[in-house]
Amino acid sequence: METIYRYSKGSWEKFFIEAEQIKPHAQSWTARFADLESFDRNIVKIDSEEDFSDMWGYYVYYQSLEEEHDNQAFKFYLSAEELILINLDVARLMNTTDEELLVDYSRRSPIDNFMVILKHATSTYMAQIDRFEDVLHDILWEVKERNNINIMDAVAKADHQLLLCKTQVVTITEIFMVVQEAFCSELQDNKYFNQLKLRLERAKFLIDSYEQEIDALLDFENLVSSYRGNEISKTLTVFTTLFAPATVLGAIWGMNFKNMPELDWKYGYLIALLSIMAVTLAVYFYLKGKGWTGDLLDTKKRRKFF
């Protein structure tokens, strides 16, 4: 059973009909019904002739940012004479009731009403886009307080959600452009068309801005990760260099050759330990004098990001 809202000649009507009962050649929109029935994802088609243009398609107007299959969609048909909306609760979308909707004689054109429907339909993902300001605000300050793998996971999640929002904007923009292509002569100085145009421009601006913020955040995370990786490598190199003399001396004294005069020394262990410490300190001061230790051993320095 299909729920259909039809707007034509200045008024709405609602009816229910089985797909099998629709006669393909009864009306202009029924000729497109077989095509509409085959749609199961975002798509829009247009047929433009010299004296008649129409468009039809499938539009997912709500997509959850968490679950792939949590979405809502409707099918539509639009010409200059009528607007057909299939499986869409128009009254609920427009914050009214069927009773009020069906007695609405505002005398808008079908194209005007389609613009109004699209404007209301975009409210869901506009709200999703607006919430990104809070999400990014939390992530930006979390980076300063506790920069770890959880932050990267939060950034990746936000980036994925933003891509989903961008996909929705691309879809509605395509529909908007097809409306322009099909009914350009009827859209000059059209208030509803211009309102939707401004809303799409705002959505694109916000998404582009948030994309730039996320890209900057990812670049910053890459900088921090590279710096920390270099610091770890430098630390390992410095410690390896510092303890290399001790390792060499320990290896020599551990050979236990028969003719080793220091085996009979009373203070052999003390001399060995002092020699190792002296060589290690000499290497340390040499590295520090060259500036090769950097701030690795400077424990007084407080770091915020690094």
Protein backbone atom coordinates (compact mmCIF):
# COMPACT_ATOMS: atom_id res chain seq x y z
CA MET A 1 0.00 0.00 0.00
CA GLU A 2 1.42 3.34 -1.11
CA THR A 3 0.67 6.56 0.76
CA ILE A 4 0.48 9.39 -1.76
CA TYR A 5 0.17 13.13 -1.34
CA ARG A 6 -0.75 15.00 -4.48
CA TYR A 7 -0.66 18.76 -4.92
CA SER A 8 -2.34 20.22 -7.97
CA LYS A 9 -4.47 23.25 -8.81
CA GLY A 10 -3.79 24.92 -5.49
CA SER A 11 -4.76 22.16 -3.06
CA TRP A 12 -3.53 18.95 -1.48
CA GLU A 13 -5.12 15.54 -1.56
CA LYS A 14 -4.09 12.33 0.16
CA PHE A 15 -4.91 8.80 -0.88
CA PHE A 16 -3.78 5.21 -0.52
CA ILE A 17 -3.35 2.86 -3.41
CA GLU A 18 -1.87 -0.52 -4.19
CA ALA A 19 1.01 -0.46 -6.66
CA GLU A 20 -0.81 -3.00 -8.83
CA GLN A 21 -3.78 -0.65 -9.19
CA ILE A 22 -1.76 2.16 -10.74
CA LYS A 23 -2.31 2.37 -14.48
CA PRO A 24 0.91 3.44 -16.20
CA HIS A 25 -0.71 5.66 -18.83
CA ALA A 26 -3.52 7.14 -16.76
CA GLN A 27 -1.60 10.30 -15.81
CA SER A 28 1.83 11.80 -16.38
CA TRP A 29 3.12 10.74 -12.95
CA THR A 30 1.83 7.17 -13.25
CA ALA A 31 3.92 6.79 -16.40
CA ARG A 32 6.97 7.23 -14.14
CA PHE A 33 5.70 4.96 -11.38
CA ALA A 34 7.44 1.80 -12.60
CA ASP A 35 10.71 3.73 -12.61
CA LEU A 36 9.99 5.10 -9.13
CA GLU A 37 9.27 1.61 -7.82
CA SER A 38 12.74 0.46 -8.85
CA PHE A 39 14.53 3.19 -6.88
CA ASP A 40 16.03 2.28 -3.51
CA ARG A 41 18.69 4.96 -3.09
CA ASN A 42 19.27 8.62 -3.85
CA ILE A 43 18.58 9.31 -7.51
CA VAL A 44 16.91 11.98 -9.62
CA LYS A 45 15.90 11.89 -13.28
CA ILE A 46 14.65 14.54 -15.66
CA ASP A 47 12.80 14.59 -18.95
CA SER A 48 12.80 17.97 -20.62
CA GLU A 49 11.04 18.72 -23.87
CA GLU A 50 10.21 21.96 -25.64
CA ASP A 51 6.79 22.43 -24.03
CA PHE A 52 6.93 20.08 -21.02
CA SER A 53 9.42 19.12 -18.33
CA ASP A 54 9.14 16.77 -15.40
CA MET A 55 11.47 15.17 -12.85
CA TRP A 56 11.21 12.24 -10.49
CA GLY A 57 13.42 10.47 -8.02
CA TYR A 58 14.19 9.01 -4.61
CA TYR A 59 15.53 11.13 -1.77
CA VAL A 60 16.91 9.99 1.61
CA TYR A 61 16.11 13.08 3.65
CA TYR A 62 17.22 11.66 7.00
CA GLN A 63 20.29 9.52 7.63
CA SER A 64 21.50 8.61 11.10
CA LEU A 65 25.16 9.37 11.69
CA GLU A 66 25.49 6.23 13.81
CA GLU A 67 23.52 3.48 12.02
CA GLU A 68 23.59 2.84 8.26
CA HIS A 69 20.05 1.50 8.03
CA ASP A 70 18.46 4.14 10.25
CA ASN A 71 17.14 6.46 7.56
CA GLN A 72 13.98 7.90 6.05
CA ALA A 73 13.24 8.53 2.39
CA PHE A 74 10.49 9.37 -0.04
CA LYS A 75 9.82 9.23 -3.77
CA PHE A 76 8.68 12.24 -5.72
CA TYR A 77 7.38 13.36 -9.06
CA LEU A 78 7.27 17.02 -10.12
CA SER A 79 5.96 18.88 -13.12
CA ALA A 80 4.67 22.41 -13.53
CA GLU A 81 1.11 21.07 -13.01
CA GLU A 82 1.45 18.66 -10.11
CA LEU A 83 3.60 17.39 -7.25
CA ILE A 84 3.44 13.76 -6.14
CA LEU A 85 5.04 12.60 -2.89
CA ILE A 86 5.08 8.88 -2.14
CA ASN A 87 5.54 7.42 1.36
CA LEU A 88 6.21 10.78 2.98
CA ASP A 89 4.20 12.12 5.92
CA VAL A 90 3.92 15.63 4.50
CA ALA A 91 1.79 16.94 7.37
CA ARG A 92 4.30 15.80 9.98
CA LEU A 93 7.23 17.13 7.99
CA MET A 94 5.59 20.55 7.76
CA ASN A 95 4.59 20.54 11.46
CA THR A 96 0.87 20.48 10.81
CA THR A 97 -1.97 17.96 10.57
CA ASP A 98 -3.62 16.29 7.61
CA GLU A 99 -6.81 18.20 8.33
CA GLU A 100 -5.05 21.56 8.15
CA LEU A 101 -2.92 20.53 5.18
CA LEU A 102 -5.82 19.30 3.07
CA VAL A 103 -7.75 22.56 3.52
CA ASP A 104 -4.71 24.71 2.76
CA TYR A 105 -5.58 26.84 -0.24
CA SER A 106 -2.42 28.94 -0.28
CA ARG A 107 -2.35 28.62 -4.06
CA ARG A 108 1.34 27.94 -4.26
CA SER A 109 2.55 26.24 -7.39
CA PRO A 110 3.68 22.58 -7.29
CA ILE A 111 7.25 23.81 -7.76
CA ASP A 112 6.88 26.21 -4.83
CA ASN A 113 5.54 23.45 -2.63
CA PHE A 114 8.40 21.15 -3.61
CA MET A 115 10.85 23.85 -2.57
CA VAL A 116 9.05 24.15 0.76
CA ILE A 117 9.13 20.36 1.22
CA LEU A 118 12.87 20.25 0.49
CA LYS A 119 13.50 23.12 2.87
CA HIS A 120 11.73 21.27 5.69
CA ALA A 121 13.46 18.02 4.75
CA THR A 122 16.89 19.63 5.06
CA SER A 123 16.18 20.69 8.65
CA THR A 124 17.24 17.28 9.96
CA TYR A 125 20.77 17.33 8.63
CA MET A 126 21.12 21.07 9.20
CA ALA A 127 20.64 20.25 12.89
CA GLN A 128 23.29 17.54 12.56
CA ILE A 129 25.69 19.99 10.96
CA ASP A 130 25.04 22.61 13.64
CA ARG A 131 25.93 20.10 16.38
CA PHE A 132 29.42 19.78 14.92
CA GLU A 133 30.39 23.07 16.52
CA ASP A 134 30.01 21.51 19.97
CA VAL A 135 31.72 18.28 18.89
CA LEU A 136 34.76 20.07 17.48
CA HIS A 137 34.91 22.44 20.45
CA ASP A 138 35.15 19.46 22.83
CA ILE A 139 37.79 17.73 20.68
CA LEU A 140 39.95 20.84 20.34
CA TRP A 141 40.17 21.33 24.10
CA GLU A 142 40.53 17.62 24.76
CA VAL A 143 43.64 17.66 22.56
CA LYS A 144 45.26 20.09 24.97
CA GLU A 145 44.21 18.29 28.14
CA ARG A 146 44.75 14.67 27.13
CA ASN A 147 46.19 13.99 23.69
CA ASN A 148 46.09 10.23 23.13
CA ILE A 149 44.71 7.57 20.80
CA ASN A 150 41.16 8.27 22.01
CA ILE A 151 41.44 11.77 20.55
CA MET A 152 42.40 10.35 17.16
CA ASP A 153 39.40 8.03 17.35
CA ALA A 154 37.11 10.97 18.16
CA VAL A 155 38.55 12.98 15.25
CA ALA A 156 38.10 10.06 12.85
CA LYS A 157 34.50 9.59 14.02
CA ALA A 158 33.73 13.29 13.57
CA ASP A 159 35.32 13.23 10.11
CA HIS A 160 33.19 10.24 9.11
CA GLN A 161 30.01 11.91 10.34
CA LEU A 162 30.89 15.09 8.49
CA LEU A 163 31.34 13.08 5.28
CA LEU A 164 27.84 11.64 5.76
CA CYS A 165 26.45 15.16 6.13
CA LYS A 166 28.35 16.26 3.05
CA THR A 167 26.85 13.37 1.08
CA GLN A 168 23.37 14.54 2.03
CA VAL A 169 24.18 18.09 0.95
CA VAL A 170 25.47 16.79 -2.39
CA THR A 171 22.21 14.88 -2.92
CA ILE A 172 19.90 17.80 -2.17
CA THR A 173 22.11 20.10 -4.25
CA GLU A 174 21.73 17.76 -7.23
CA ILE A 175 17.93 17.80 -6.84
CA PHE A 176 18.05 21.58 -6.54
CA MET A 177 20.08 21.86 -9.76
CA VAL A 178 17.73 19.52 -11.62
CA VAL A 179 14.80 21.73 -10.57
CA GLN A 180 16.68 24.67 -12.07
CA GLU A 181 17.31 22.73 -15.26
CA ALA A 182 13.72 21.61 -15.64
CA PHE A 183 11.86 24.76 -14.57
CA CYS A 184 14.28 27.64 -15.00
CA SER A 185 11.64 29.98 -16.44
CA GLU A 186 9.33 29.50 -13.41
CA LEU A 187 12.08 30.17 -10.85
CA GLN A 188 12.95 33.79 -11.55
CA ASP A 189 12.52 35.79 -8.31
CA ASN A 190 10.97 32.75 -6.65
CA LYS A 191 11.03 33.26 -2.87
CA TYR A 192 11.01 29.57 -1.92
CA PHE A 193 13.70 28.73 -4.45
CA ASN A 194 15.95 31.50 -3.12
CA GLN A 195 15.36 30.44 0.49
CA LEU A 196 16.44 26.89 -0.28
CA LYS A 197 19.41 28.20 -2.24
CA LEU A 198 20.59 30.24 0.76
CA ARG A 199 20.12 27.28 3.08
CA LEU A 200 22.26 25.07 0.83
CA GLU A 201 24.94 27.75 0.67
CA ARG A 202 24.96 27.92 4.47
CA ALA A 203 25.23 24.13 4.73
CA LYS A 204 28.14 24.06 2.27
CA PHE A 205 29.90 26.90 4.11
CA LEU A 206 29.58 25.14 7.47
CA ILE A 207 30.75 21.79 6.10
CA ASP A 208 33.73 23.38 4.34
CA SER A 209 34.65 25.24 7.53
CA TYR A 210 34.39 22.13 9.68
CA GLU A 211 36.40 20.15 7.13
CA GLN A 212 39.17 22.73 7.34
CA GLU A 213 39.13 22.53 11.14
CA ILE A 214 39.33 18.73 11.09
CA ASP A 215 42.13 18.83 8.49
CA ALA A 216 44.03 21.32 10.66
CA LEU A 217 43.47 19.08 13.68
CA LEU A 218 44.74 16.03 11.80
CA ASP A 219 47.79 17.98 10.62
CA PHE A 220 48.43 19.00 14.22
CA GLU A 221 48.09 15.39 15.39
CA ASN A 222 50.54 14.30 12.69
CA LEU A 223 52.96 16.98 13.87
CA VAL A 224 52.68 15.83 17.47
CA SER A 225 53.05 12.17 16.49
CA SER A 226 56.10 12.89 14.32
CA TYR A 227 57.69 14.97 17.07
CA ARG A 228 57.09 12.30 19.68
CA GLY A 229 58.42 9.60 17.37
CA ASN A 230 61.57 11.63 16.75
CA GLU A 231 61.96 12.26 20.48
CA ILE A 232 61.69 8.54 21.20
CA SER A 233 64.29 7.73 18.54
CA LYS A 234 66.56 10.48 19.84
CA THR A 235 66.17 9.28 23.43
CA LEU A 236 67.05 5.71 22.50
CA THR A 237 70.06 6.94 20.53
CA VAL A 238 71.31 9.10 23.41
CA PHE A 239 70.93 6.33 25.98
CA THR A 240 72.60 3.83 23.68
CA THR A 241 75.51 6.23 23.20
CA LEU A 242 75.78 6.98 26.93
CA PHE A 243 76.00 3.35 27.95
CA ALA A 244 78.10 2.15 25.02
CA PRO A 245 81.43 2.70 26.90
CA ALA A 246 80.11 0.81 29.94
CA THR A 247 79.03 -2.03 27.68
CA VAL A 248 82.44 -2.20 26.00
CA LEU A 249 84.36 -2.07 29.28
CA GLY A 250 82.07 -4.67 30.83
CA ALA A 251 82.59 -6.93 27.84
CA ILE A 252 86.38 -6.62 28.11
CA TRP A 253 86.46 -7.26 31.85
CA GLY A 254 84.08 -10.16 31.46
CA MET A 255 86.47 -12.11 29.24
CA ASN A 256 88.43 -13.51 32.26
CA PHE A 257 91.70 -14.14 30.41
CA LYS A 258 94.42 -15.73 32.52
CA ASN A 259 96.88 -12.86 32.16
CA MET A 260 94.77 -9.97 33.43
CA PRO A 261 96.80 -8.05 36.04
CA GLU A 262 93.77 -6.18 37.38
CA LEU A 263 92.31 -9.46 38.68
CA ASP A 264 94.64 -9.18 41.70
CA TRP A 265 93.97 -5.52 42.40
CA LYS A 266 92.49 -4.85 45.80
CA TYR A 267 90.30 -2.02 44.54
CA GLY A 268 89.59 -3.52 41.12
CA TYR A 269 85.79 -3.27 41.35
CA LEU A 270 85.97 0.30 42.60
CA ILE A 271 88.37 1.31 39.85
CA ALA A 272 86.17 -0.41 37.24
CA LEU A 273 83.02 1.32 38.47
CA LEU A 274 84.70 4.70 38.67
CA SER A 275 86.14 4.22 35.18
CA ILE A 276 82.72 3.37 33.77
CA MET A 277 81.12 6.36 35.49
CA ALA A 278 83.89 8.67 34.35
CA VAL A 279 83.64 7.57 30.72
CA THR A 280 79.84 7.77 30.80
CA LEU A 281 79.91 11.29 32.26
CA ALA A 282 82.53 12.32 29.73
CA VAL A 283 80.32 11.09 26.90
CA TYR A 284 77.29 12.85 28.43
CA PHE A 285 79.03 16.21 28.76
CA TYR A 286 80.40 15.84 25.26
CA LEU A 287 76.89 15.25 23.85
CA LYS A 288 75.45 18.07 25.93
CA GLY A 289 78.22 20.41 24.85
CA LYS A 290 77.41 19.64 21.22
CA GLY A 291 73.70 20.26 21.91
CA TRP A 292 72.77 16.77 20.78
CA THR A 293 70.69 15.90 23.85
CA GLY A 294 68.27 18.78 23.26
CA ASP A 295 65.71 18.89 26.08
CA LEU A 296 65.48 15.11 26.56
CA LEU A 297 67.07 15.27 30.00
CA ASP A 298 65.58 18.60 30.98
CA THR A 299 62.94 17.45 33.47
CA LYS A 300 62.09 20.99 34.60
CA LYS A 301 60.48 21.92 31.32
CA ARG A 302 56.68 21.64 31.36
CA ARG A 303 55.10 20.73 28.04
CA LYS A 304 51.54 21.38 27.04
CA PHE A 305 51.16 19.65 23.70
CA PHE A 306 54.45 17.79 23.28
